[in-house]
Structures are given as structure tokens and as C-alpha cells.
Amino acid sequence: MEFFKQPNIDWMGKAKYFFALSGFLLLLGGISWASKGGLRYGIDFKGGTLVYVRFAQPPDVDKLRQALTAQGIGSSEIQKIEDIANPSANPSANEVVIGLEQKGQGEEALDAGKAQILKALSVTYGVSASGKADFNAATPATLAQFLTQRDPLAAGTAAPERYALLAKKLMEYRDKDAGGVLTSFAGLNKVEGATPAVLSALQENYSLGTFAIRNVEIVGPKVGAELRHQAIWVTLSALAGMLVYIAFRFELVYGAAAVLAVFHDVLITLGFFSLLHFEITLTVIAALLTLVGYSMNDTIVIFDRIRENNRLLRKESFADVVNTSINQTLSRTILTSGLTFLTVLVLFLMGGQVLRAFSFALTVGIVVGTYSSFGIAAPLVVAWNRWRGQKAGAGTGPAAGIKSRGSETANGRLAAAGRR
């Protein structure tokens, strides 16, 4: 399938515009990066506590921030989780993530941060005046233990197993169907085995709080620093391996151009993360490594076509050979990159908050990575060849071209270099 029939676009003639666009994006990202004091790292890398809280009603973020400040943790970050595809949908719209950066040393400091957040929530949103336990904070084990002691079904010796299964079903209904925060015990009558006697026992001994802790993530600062260093080394190692492969497969200049283009892709993507205030997490590092491989693959396809055409189109200038090669692979680029872009765009719009940063990195990275293959990597190789040609013309060195294995003699290489 071809979108274009023999396109004839002068890509190398527009190289200065490509460089100007890339320079502008890099400068914009660099300014944002410097003005904000660096990238925004997630708890994975900087260490601290993340508490995911879901409320029965849409929370007042300002009120919540004031409550945290009153507990001496006003520096914590509060992020409201919303579904971009359907911002008003419940219960996602009622959930927030409270992030508290690590202060002090050891697990005690992390546990203290978690306790401060929980205390602020309890003070602000209240605890049942009756002293009853909060059903929204119950666990399957504690609920099963309570039902076994009360035995509202008169299960006798089979009570432990029977109530353990019932407690599991009740918790699944609360977490899945009620979104983690039950607002009425009446809804539990939909659960198999939840008889009126069971509901009566629950109402007598439990209250329904206005919030529930959905998840708590704790990462120590030492672990976060190690993860950050490992992420950098993994990315650099991948680039070094690709440089060696392309240098062996083509020439060193092609490997250098491809690696510079990938650096360009990663830096621009990180610039967008800084501009839009996205966090850098482990899943984002995975997305960046995926981007490195995707961009490099597209670049190698173009380089391979350049090598073939360099042997077939001996009378053409190297810039014309590169233009022809890019035009010949244009339909393939649109098909592969376009379909991949649509996939990750849907993931970004509908994948939810957990995958938001990951899918955003891929969405931006695929666009930038595809563009850099013909807008950065190929023009760099052409510029290098022109420079070598000028040196050859001045008698200071041989002109460079792509390796032609087996079919091109040394005299042919010099003649082709002279034509360039």
C-alpha cells in the first residue's frame, strides 16, 4: 500500500528548517527545565510516600491542602485524578494522590509521613462520633473475624470458612462496584449471602466514612537514587550498543548521527514533560527506552535504503540520493508510525491516570522520533559528506561515502566522492 506515487520532496533542501524547529523545541524545554529547577521526579526516584485517597464526594483540594498544612506537611503535593475522556465520571473524579517527599532518614520517617497524612484526613473529614469502626477502612480479615464472632447466619462450625467468603464478596462489592467508598449499607443487599441479618449486624457495628485509603506507596531515598542512576546507565548503554551496531553495519558517522538523533528525541520528550509538569517514573523510563528503539529502527530503514541507492545512483549527488531514499520509504513511514501513533494516542486518552505519563511519552516520542529520522539524522550525514567533500577538493583528505561491499573499487569510491 502506498500513500504517494513517486514523491519528489527535497528533504535536504529543508534541513535548515528542521534544525531551527528542533533548536526551538530544545530551547523551550531547556528554559522550562531551568526555571523549574529540573524535572519533576516521582516517588520512585526521589523517595517518599504516596497515599491514594478516594472520597464519597468530589473533594475540595484547597480544604485538603489547608488540613495538611495544619499538620505541618504543607509541602506535600496533591494531584486530583481525573479521566480525560470523561472528566465527570465517578468514582475516578473523587480520587486524589497525596505525595509527601522524604524528610529524615529511615523507615520511621516514611511511616511518620503516612501517619501525618492519615491524621490530617481524619481531622478534616471526621470520624464517626459513635466510635464505630469504618466499613470503608475494613479489610477482609477484620470483617470475617467480626462476622464469625456475631454469626448472624447461625453457621456454627462452618462459620470461619463461610464468613471469610462472604467478607471477600462484600469487600469486592465495596472496592469494584462502589468505587472503594460505600455510601449506604443498602447497596450490600446485591451481594450473594448478604441477608437482612448480616446487613443489620453491619449497620449496628460499622459506620460509613467519607473517604477511603486506596493504596499507599513508600520508597526510601536511597532506593530512589539508585533507581535514578540505573535508569540513566540503562539508557546510555542502549545508545552505546546501537552506536556500535550501526558503525559496524554502515559507518561510524551513521551511528553517530543516529545516536544524536535519538538524544534529540529523548531531550525534546523530557522538555514536554517539564512544560506540562508530568512526573518521571519507572514506567516513563520504560517508555523512553521503547522510544529509543523505535526511533533507531526507523532511522536504520532510511540508512539502509541510502546505502542501496548510493550504489545504484552513482551519477547523483549524495543529497539527491538521500532525498530519493526518504521519498521511497515515505509510505512505509506513514503506515507504521501513523498506526502506532493512533494506538498510543487512544492509550493516552482512555488508559487512565496510571498509564497517563507512560502513554504521553510514547505519543510525543513517536512523532518526534519519526521526524528526527529524516529531519535530523539524514541531514547530519549529508552535512558530514559535504564537509568531507570540501576537504577532498582542497586536497586535505578523502571524501566519504557509504560502504559499498564487494562491488565498489577504491577508484570508484574516489570518483563518487569527487562528484559529490
Protein backbone atom coordinates (compact mmCIF):
# COMPACT_ATOMS: atom_id res chain seq x y z
CA MET A 1 0.00 0.00 0.00
CA GLU A 2 1.36 3.42 -0.98
CA PHE A 3 0.08 6.83 0.01
CA PHE A 4 2.23 8.62 -2.56
CA LYS A 5 3.15 7.71 -6.12
CA GLN A 6 6.80 8.59 -6.68
CA PRO A 7 7.00 11.63 -4.37
CA ASN A 8 9.75 14.12 -5.16
CA ILE A 9 10.25 16.17 -1.98
CA ASP A 10 13.53 17.98 -1.41
CA TRP A 11 14.01 17.00 2.23
CA MET A 12 17.66 18.07 2.40
CA GLY A 13 16.78 21.47 0.99
CA LYS A 14 14.59 21.99 4.04
CA ALA A 15 17.20 20.77 6.54
CA LYS A 16 17.76 24.27 7.95
CA TYR A 17 14.07 24.49 8.86
CA PHE A 18 14.26 21.10 10.59
CA PHE A 19 17.28 22.22 12.60
CA ALA A 20 15.56 25.50 13.50
CA LEU A 21 12.43 23.66 14.72
CA SER A 22 14.47 21.23 16.79
CA GLY A 23 16.55 24.06 18.22
CA PHE A 24 13.40 25.94 19.23
CA LEU A 25 11.88 22.88 20.95
CA LEU A 26 15.13 22.08 22.76
CA LEU A 27 15.48 25.70 23.88
CA LEU A 28 11.87 25.83 25.08
CA GLY A 29 12.28 22.62 27.05
CA GLY A 30 15.62 23.78 28.46
CA ILE A 31 14.13 27.07 29.67
CA SER A 32 11.26 25.22 31.35
CA TRP A 33 13.69 22.74 32.86
CA ALA A 34 15.93 25.51 34.27
CA SER A 35 13.08 27.69 35.53
CA LYS A 36 11.57 24.78 37.49
CA GLY A 37 14.87 23.62 38.91
CA GLY A 38 14.92 20.35 36.97
CA LEU A 39 12.49 17.63 36.08
CA ARG A 40 9.68 16.55 38.35
CA TYR A 41 10.60 13.09 39.63
CA GLY A 42 8.07 10.68 41.02
CA ILE A 43 8.32 8.93 44.35
CA ASP A 44 10.11 6.10 42.50
CA PHE A 45 13.20 8.29 42.16
CA LYS A 46 13.14 10.88 44.95
CA GLY A 47 11.75 8.75 47.77
CA GLY A 48 8.73 9.48 49.90
CA THR A 49 5.13 8.45 50.44
CA LEU A 50 2.19 8.37 48.04
CA VAL A 51 -1.28 7.95 49.51
CA TYR A 52 -4.17 7.32 47.12
CA VAL A 53 -7.43 8.53 48.67
CA ARG A 54 -10.93 8.18 47.26
CA PHE A 55 -13.81 10.28 48.60
CA ALA A 56 -17.54 9.76 48.58
CA GLN A 57 -17.97 13.25 47.07
CA PRO A 58 -15.66 15.37 44.90
CA PRO A 59 -13.01 16.64 47.34
CA ASP A 60 -12.18 20.27 47.95
CA VAL A 61 -8.46 20.35 47.16
CA ASP A 62 -7.94 23.72 48.88
CA LYS A 63 -9.57 22.43 52.06
CA LEU A 64 -7.42 19.32 51.91
CA ARG A 65 -4.26 21.37 51.41
CA GLN A 66 -5.13 23.54 54.42
CA ALA A 67 -5.63 20.40 56.52
CA LEU A 68 -2.20 19.09 55.52
CA THR A 69 -0.62 22.45 56.28
CA ALA A 70 -2.20 22.38 59.74
CA GLN A 71 -0.42 19.07 60.35
CA GLY A 72 2.92 20.57 59.31
CA ILE A 73 3.09 18.91 55.88
CA GLY A 74 2.10 21.82 53.66
CA SER A 75 4.92 20.93 51.25
CA SER A 76 3.07 17.79 50.14
CA GLU A 77 1.74 17.57 46.59
CA ILE A 78 -1.93 16.94 45.89
CA GLN A 79 -2.95 15.67 42.47
CA LYS A 80 -6.57 15.14 41.57
CA ILE A 81 -7.14 12.10 39.39
CA GLU A 82 -9.49 12.73 36.50
CA ASP A 83 -10.39 10.79 33.40
CA ILE A 84 -9.57 13.00 30.39
CA ALA A 85 -12.03 11.14 28.17
CA ASN A 86 -14.84 11.63 30.75
CA PRO A 87 -13.81 14.14 33.45
CA SER A 88 -17.16 13.98 35.27
CA ALA A 89 -17.18 10.21 35.63
CA ASN A 90 -17.34 8.81 39.14
CA PRO A 91 -15.65 7.48 41.15
CA SER A 92 -12.38 8.42 39.41
CA ALA A 93 -13.19 12.13 39.74
CA ASN A 94 -13.31 11.72 43.52
CA GLU A 95 -9.78 10.39 43.94
CA VAL A 96 -6.60 12.28 44.79
CA VAL A 97 -2.96 11.33 45.24
CA ILE A 98 -1.14 12.93 48.15
CA GLY A 99 2.62 12.84 47.75
CA LEU A 100 4.94 13.60 50.65
CA GLU A 101 8.63 13.92 49.94
CA GLN A 102 11.05 12.06 52.16
CA LYS A 103 12.23 14.02 55.21
CA GLY A 104 14.64 12.50 57.63
CA GLN A 105 16.20 9.09 57.43
CA GLY A 106 14.96 5.53 57.71
CA GLU A 107 11.62 3.80 57.51
CA GLU A 108 10.45 5.65 60.61
CA ALA A 109 10.40 8.94 58.68
CA LEU A 110 8.35 7.37 55.90
CA ASP A 111 5.86 5.84 58.34
CA ALA A 112 5.62 9.19 60.11
CA GLY A 113 4.73 10.89 56.82
CA LYS A 114 1.99 8.37 56.16
CA ALA A 115 0.63 8.80 59.70
CA GLN A 116 0.55 12.58 59.28
CA ILE A 117 -1.48 12.32 56.10
CA LEU A 118 -3.95 9.89 57.68
CA LYS A 119 -4.29 12.12 60.73
CA ALA A 120 -4.99 15.18 58.58
CA LEU A 121 -7.68 13.29 56.67
CA SER A 122 -9.32 12.05 59.86
CA VAL A 123 -9.32 15.50 61.46
CA THR A 124 -10.69 17.20 58.35
CA TYR A 125 -13.31 14.71 57.26
CA GLY A 126 -14.18 13.42 60.69
CA VAL A 127 -14.50 10.06 62.38
CA SER A 128 -17.78 8.54 63.49
CA ALA A 129 -18.87 10.10 66.80
CA SER A 130 -20.35 6.76 67.83
CA GLY A 131 -16.93 5.19 67.90
CA LYS A 132 -17.93 2.54 65.38
CA ALA A 133 -15.35 1.10 63.04
CA ASP A 134 -15.28 2.48 59.49
CA PHE A 135 -16.58 -0.07 56.98
CA ASN A 136 -14.73 1.73 54.17
CA ALA A 137 -11.47 1.12 56.01
CA ALA A 138 -12.20 -2.52 56.87
CA THR A 139 -10.19 -5.41 55.47
CA PRO A 140 -11.49 -8.88 54.52
CA ALA A 141 -9.73 -10.39 57.54
CA THR A 142 -11.19 -7.99 60.12
CA LEU A 143 -14.65 -8.19 58.58
CA ALA A 144 -14.57 -12.00 58.51
CA GLN A 145 -13.47 -12.05 62.15
CA PHE A 146 -16.35 -9.78 63.16
CA LEU A 147 -18.97 -11.82 61.27
CA THR A 148 -17.62 -15.05 62.73
CA GLN A 149 -17.98 -13.68 66.26
CA ARG A 150 -21.51 -12.37 65.65
CA ASP A 151 -22.55 -15.35 63.48
CA PRO A 152 -25.70 -13.67 62.05
CA LEU A 153 -26.28 -16.68 59.74
CA ALA A 154 -26.03 -19.22 62.57
CA ALA A 155 -23.37 -21.08 60.60
CA GLY A 156 -22.00 -22.93 63.61
CA THR A 157 -18.78 -24.84 62.98
CA ALA A 158 -18.74 -23.78 59.31
CA ALA A 159 -18.70 -20.10 60.31
CA PRO A 160 -14.99 -19.29 59.66
CA GLU A 161 -14.98 -20.55 56.06
CA ARG A 162 -18.43 -19.21 55.26
CA TYR A 163 -17.83 -15.72 56.62
CA ALA A 164 -14.37 -15.50 55.06
CA LEU A 165 -16.00 -15.99 51.64
CA LEU A 166 -18.81 -13.56 52.46
CA ALA A 167 -16.35 -10.91 53.69
CA LYS A 168 -14.40 -11.25 50.46
CA LYS A 169 -17.54 -10.70 48.40
CA LEU A 170 -18.56 -7.67 50.48
CA MET A 171 -15.11 -6.10 50.05
CA GLU A 172 -15.16 -6.77 46.29
CA TYR A 173 -18.50 -5.01 46.03
CA ARG A 174 -17.20 -2.05 48.01
CA ASP A 175 -13.97 -1.77 46.01
CA LYS A 176 -15.27 -2.52 42.50
CA ASP A 177 -18.95 -1.65 42.32
CA ALA A 178 -18.94 1.16 44.89
CA GLY A 179 -15.57 2.55 43.83
CA GLY A 180 -13.93 1.96 47.20
CA VAL A 181 -16.28 4.19 49.22
CA LEU A 182 -19.66 2.76 50.23
CA THR A 183 -22.27 5.44 50.92
CA SER A 184 -25.17 3.19 52.01
CA PHE A 185 -25.40 -0.27 53.51
CA ALA A 186 -28.48 -0.88 51.36
CA GLY A 187 -26.27 -1.49 48.36
CA LEU A 188 -24.81 -4.58 50.00
CA ASN A 189 -28.09 -6.50 49.53
CA LYS A 190 -26.87 -7.17 45.98
CA VAL A 191 -24.10 -9.36 47.37
CA GLU A 192 -24.83 -13.06 47.45
CA GLY A 193 -25.22 -14.22 51.05
CA ALA A 194 -25.75 -10.72 52.48
CA THR A 195 -29.03 -11.48 54.28
CA PRO A 196 -31.01 -8.89 56.30
CA ALA A 197 -29.42 -10.33 59.45
CA VAL A 198 -25.94 -9.69 58.04
CA LEU A 199 -26.82 -6.15 56.96
CA SER A 200 -28.35 -5.43 60.38
CA ALA A 201 -25.18 -6.60 62.14
CA LEU A 202 -23.03 -4.42 59.89
CA GLN A 203 -25.20 -1.33 60.45
CA GLU A 204 -25.09 -1.80 64.21
CA ASN A 205 -21.33 -2.09 64.43
CA TYR A 206 -19.92 -0.15 61.45
CA SER A 207 -20.15 3.43 60.20
CA LEU A 208 -19.55 4.68 56.66
CA GLY A 209 -16.65 7.13 56.42
CA THR A 210 -16.45 9.80 53.71
CA PHE A 211 -13.07 8.64 52.39
CA ALA A 212 -11.00 5.50 51.99
CA ILE A 213 -7.29 4.86 51.53
CA ARG A 214 -6.98 3.03 48.23
CA ASN A 215 -3.24 2.44 48.22
CA VAL A 216 -0.02 3.55 49.91
CA GLU A 217 3.37 3.54 48.18
CA ILE A 218 6.56 4.10 50.15
CA VAL A 219 10.03 4.39 48.59
CA GLY A 220 13.20 5.17 50.54
CA PRO A 221 15.53 7.92 49.25
CA LYS A 222 18.47 5.54 48.84
CA VAL A 223 16.43 3.22 46.65
CA GLY A 224 15.12 6.19 44.67
CA ALA A 225 18.65 7.49 43.99
CA GLU A 226 19.82 4.03 42.90
CA LEU A 227 16.87 3.69 40.54
CA ARG A 228 17.60 7.10 39.04
CA HIS A 229 21.26 6.22 38.39
CA GLN A 230 20.34 2.84 36.95
CA ALA A 231 17.82 4.43 34.60
CA ILE A 232 20.49 6.78 33.24
CA TRP A 233 23.02 3.98 32.75
CA VAL A 234 20.47 1.71 31.07
CA THR A 235 19.60 4.43 28.55
CA LEU A 236 23.25 5.27 27.85
CA SER A 237 24.15 1.59 27.49
CA ALA A 238 21.36 1.10 24.96
CA LEU A 239 22.61 4.06 22.93
CA ALA A 240 26.21 2.82 23.07
CA GLY A 241 25.19 -0.62 21.83
CA MET A 242 23.24 0.90 18.95
CA LEU A 243 26.20 3.10 18.04
CA VAL A 244 28.48 0.06 17.81
CA TYR A 245 25.96 -1.88 15.73
CA ILE A 246 25.34 0.90 13.21
CA ALA A 247 29.05 1.70 12.97
CA PHE A 248 29.67 -1.94 12.08
CA ARG A 249 26.67 -2.22 9.75
CA PHE A 250 27.25 1.08 7.95
CA GLU A 251 29.91 3.57 9.05
CA LEU A 252 30.75 5.38 12.25
CA VAL A 253 29.25 8.63 11.02
CA TYR A 254 25.87 6.96 10.54
CA GLY A 255 25.97 5.56 14.05
CA ALA A 256 26.90 8.97 15.46
CA ALA A 257 24.10 10.68 13.51
CA ALA A 258 21.53 8.11 14.64
CA VAL A 259 22.57 8.38 18.30
CA LEU A 260 22.49 12.19 18.17
CA ALA A 261 19.00 12.00 16.68
CA VAL A 262 17.87 9.70 19.49
CA PHE A 263 19.39 12.05 22.09
CA HIS A 264 17.42 14.79 20.36
CA ASP A 265 14.20 12.74 20.68
CA VAL A 266 14.70 12.00 24.37
CA LEU A 267 15.58 15.59 25.26
CA ILE A 268 12.56 17.02 23.43
CA THR A 269 10.27 14.47 25.09
CA LEU A 270 11.68 15.35 28.51
CA GLY A 271 11.20 19.02 27.63
CA PHE A 272 7.49 18.39 27.06
CA PHE A 273 7.37 16.57 30.41
CA SER A 274 8.81 19.67 32.07
CA LEU A 275 6.45 22.04 30.24
CA LEU A 276 3.34 20.04 31.15
CA HIS A 277 4.55 19.12 34.65
CA PHE A 278 4.46 15.34 34.19
CA GLU A 279 6.39 13.17 36.61
CA ILE A 280 9.34 10.99 35.61
CA THR A 281 8.67 7.49 36.92
CA LEU A 282 9.90 3.99 36.18
CA THR A 283 7.13 3.50 33.61
CA VAL A 284 8.27 6.68 31.84
CA ILE A 285 11.83 5.30 31.65
CA ALA A 286 10.38 2.18 30.03
CA ALA A 287 8.58 4.41 27.52
CA LEU A 288 11.79 6.32 26.75
CA LEU A 289 13.69 3.07 26.11
CA THR A 290 10.88 1.97 23.81
CA LEU A 291 11.16 5.32 22.04
CA VAL A 292 14.92 4.85 21.61
CA GLY A 293 14.42 1.52 19.87
CA TYR A 294 11.52 2.75 17.74
CA SER A 295 13.31 5.86 16.52
CA MET A 296 16.51 3.93 15.80
CA ASN A 297 14.61 1.33 13.78
CA ASP A 298 13.06 3.99 11.55
CA THR A 299 16.45 5.62 11.05
CA ILE A 300 18.11 2.33 10.09
CA VAL A 301 15.43 1.69 7.44
CA ILE A 302 16.27 5.02 5.79
CA PHE A 303 20.03 4.44 6.10
CA ASP A 304 19.72 1.01 4.52
CA ARG A 305 17.85 2.46 1.54
CA ILE A 306 20.52 5.18 1.23
CA ARG A 307 23.22 2.52 1.06
CA GLU A 308 21.39 0.65 -1.70
CA ASN A 309 20.70 3.78 -3.74
CA ASN A 310 24.26 5.01 -3.30
CA ARG A 311 25.39 2.07 -5.43
CA LEU A 312 22.57 2.38 -7.98
CA LEU A 313 22.54 6.16 -8.43
CA ARG A 314 26.26 6.80 -8.88
CA LYS A 315 25.75 9.90 -11.00
CA GLU A 316 23.55 11.62 -8.44
CA SER A 317 24.80 13.83 -5.64
CA PHE A 318 24.68 12.36 -2.17
CA ALA A 319 21.96 14.81 -1.10
CA ASP A 320 19.80 13.67 -4.04
CA VAL A 321 20.40 10.04 -3.09
CA VAL A 322 19.22 10.77 0.44
CA ASN A 323 16.13 12.62 -0.84
CA THR A 324 15.26 9.70 -3.09
CA SER A 325 15.72 7.20 -0.26
CA ILE A 326 13.46 9.13 2.12
CA ASN A 327 10.79 9.53 -0.58
CA GLN A 328 10.90 5.80 -1.33
CA THR A 329 10.33 4.91 2.33
CA LEU A 330 7.74 7.66 2.95
CA SER A 331 4.67 5.42 2.57
CA ARG A 332 6.18 2.83 4.87
CA THR A 333 6.95 5.51 7.46
CA ILE A 334 3.40 6.88 7.39
CA LEU A 335 1.86 3.43 7.71
CA THR A 336 3.98 2.20 10.62
CA SER A 337 4.31 5.46 12.53
CA GLY A 338 0.73 6.53 11.89
CA LEU A 339 -0.83 3.31 13.14
CA THR A 340 1.45 3.20 16.17
CA PHE A 341 0.66 6.82 16.95
CA LEU A 342 -3.09 6.17 16.84
CA THR A 343 -2.68 3.25 19.23
CA VAL A 344 -0.72 5.16 21.86
CA LEU A 345 -2.99 8.21 21.44
CA VAL A 346 -6.00 6.08 22.39
CA LEU A 347 -4.00 4.72 25.31
CA PHE A 348 -3.23 8.29 26.41
CA LEU A 349 -6.85 9.44 26.16
CA MET A 350 -8.52 6.37 27.63
CA GLY A 351 -5.83 4.47 29.54
CA GLY A 352 -6.46 6.18 32.85
CA GLN A 353 -4.22 8.04 35.27
CA VAL A 354 -1.81 5.17 35.94
CA LEU A 355 -0.73 4.98 32.28
CA ARG A 356 -1.03 8.71 31.56
CA ALA A 357 2.67 9.63 31.74
CA PHE A 358 3.76 6.41 30.01
CA SER A 359 1.41 6.88 27.06
CA PHE A 360 2.22 10.60 26.84
CA ALA A 361 5.93 9.80 26.47
CA LEU A 362 5.16 7.37 23.66
CA THR A 363 2.74 9.76 21.95
CA VAL A 364 5.25 12.61 21.85
CA GLY A 365 8.20 10.30 21.25
CA ILE A 366 6.75 8.59 18.18
CA VAL A 367 6.07 11.92 16.48
CA VAL A 368 9.49 13.34 17.35
CA GLY A 369 11.29 10.06 16.63
CA THR A 370 9.77 9.72 13.17
CA TYR A 371 10.55 13.34 12.36
CA SER A 372 14.16 13.08 13.54
CA SER A 373 14.90 10.14 11.21
CA PHE A 374 14.56 12.31 8.10
CA GLY A 375 14.86 15.76 9.69
CA ILE A 376 17.93 15.29 11.90
CA ALA A 377 19.81 12.01 11.29
CA ALA A 378 19.81 12.13 7.46
CA PRO A 379 20.77 15.86 7.21
CA LEU A 380 23.65 15.27 9.65
CA VAL A 381 25.07 12.58 7.37
CA VAL A 382 24.66 14.82 4.31
CA ALA A 383 26.40 17.70 6.12
CA TRP A 384 29.27 15.39 7.06
CA ASN A 385 29.65 14.19 3.47
CA ARG A 386 29.71 17.76 2.16
CA TRP A 387 32.39 18.64 4.68
CA ARG A 388 34.49 15.63 3.68
CA GLY A 389 33.96 16.51 0.02
CA GLN A 390 35.25 20.01 0.62
CA LYS A 391 38.32 18.62 2.36
CA ALA A 392 38.91 16.25 -0.55
CA GLY A 393 38.54 19.11 -3.02
CA ALA A 394 41.12 21.07 -1.08
CA GLY A 395 43.46 18.08 -1.07
CA THR A 396 43.33 17.62 2.68
CA GLY A 397 41.65 14.23 2.83
CA PRO A 398 39.46 11.63 1.10
CA ALA A 399 35.73 12.16 0.59
CA ALA A 400 33.45 9.81 2.48
CA GLY A 401 30.60 7.70 1.24
CA ILE A 402 28.67 4.68 2.39
CA LYS A 403 30.42 1.36 2.29
CA SER A 404 29.69 -0.50 -0.90
CA ARG A 405 30.58 -4.10 -0.09
CA GLY A 406 32.11 -6.13 -2.82
CA SER A 407 31.01 -4.10 -5.87
CA GLU A 408 32.78 -0.76 -5.46
CA THR A 409 36.52 -0.38 -6.01
CA ALA A 410 38.75 2.17 -4.37
CA ASN A 411 38.90 4.20 -7.60
CA GLY A 412 35.11 4.12 -7.81
CA ARG A 413 34.86 5.47 -4.27
CA LEU A 414 37.20 8.36 -5.05
CA ALA A 415 35.32 9.14 -8.27
CA ALA A 416 31.97 9.11 -6.47
CA ALA A 417 33.42 11.31 -3.75
CA GLY A 418 34.70 13.74 -6.36
CA ARG A 419 31.24 14.01 -7.94
CA ARG A 420 29.81 14.86 -4.55
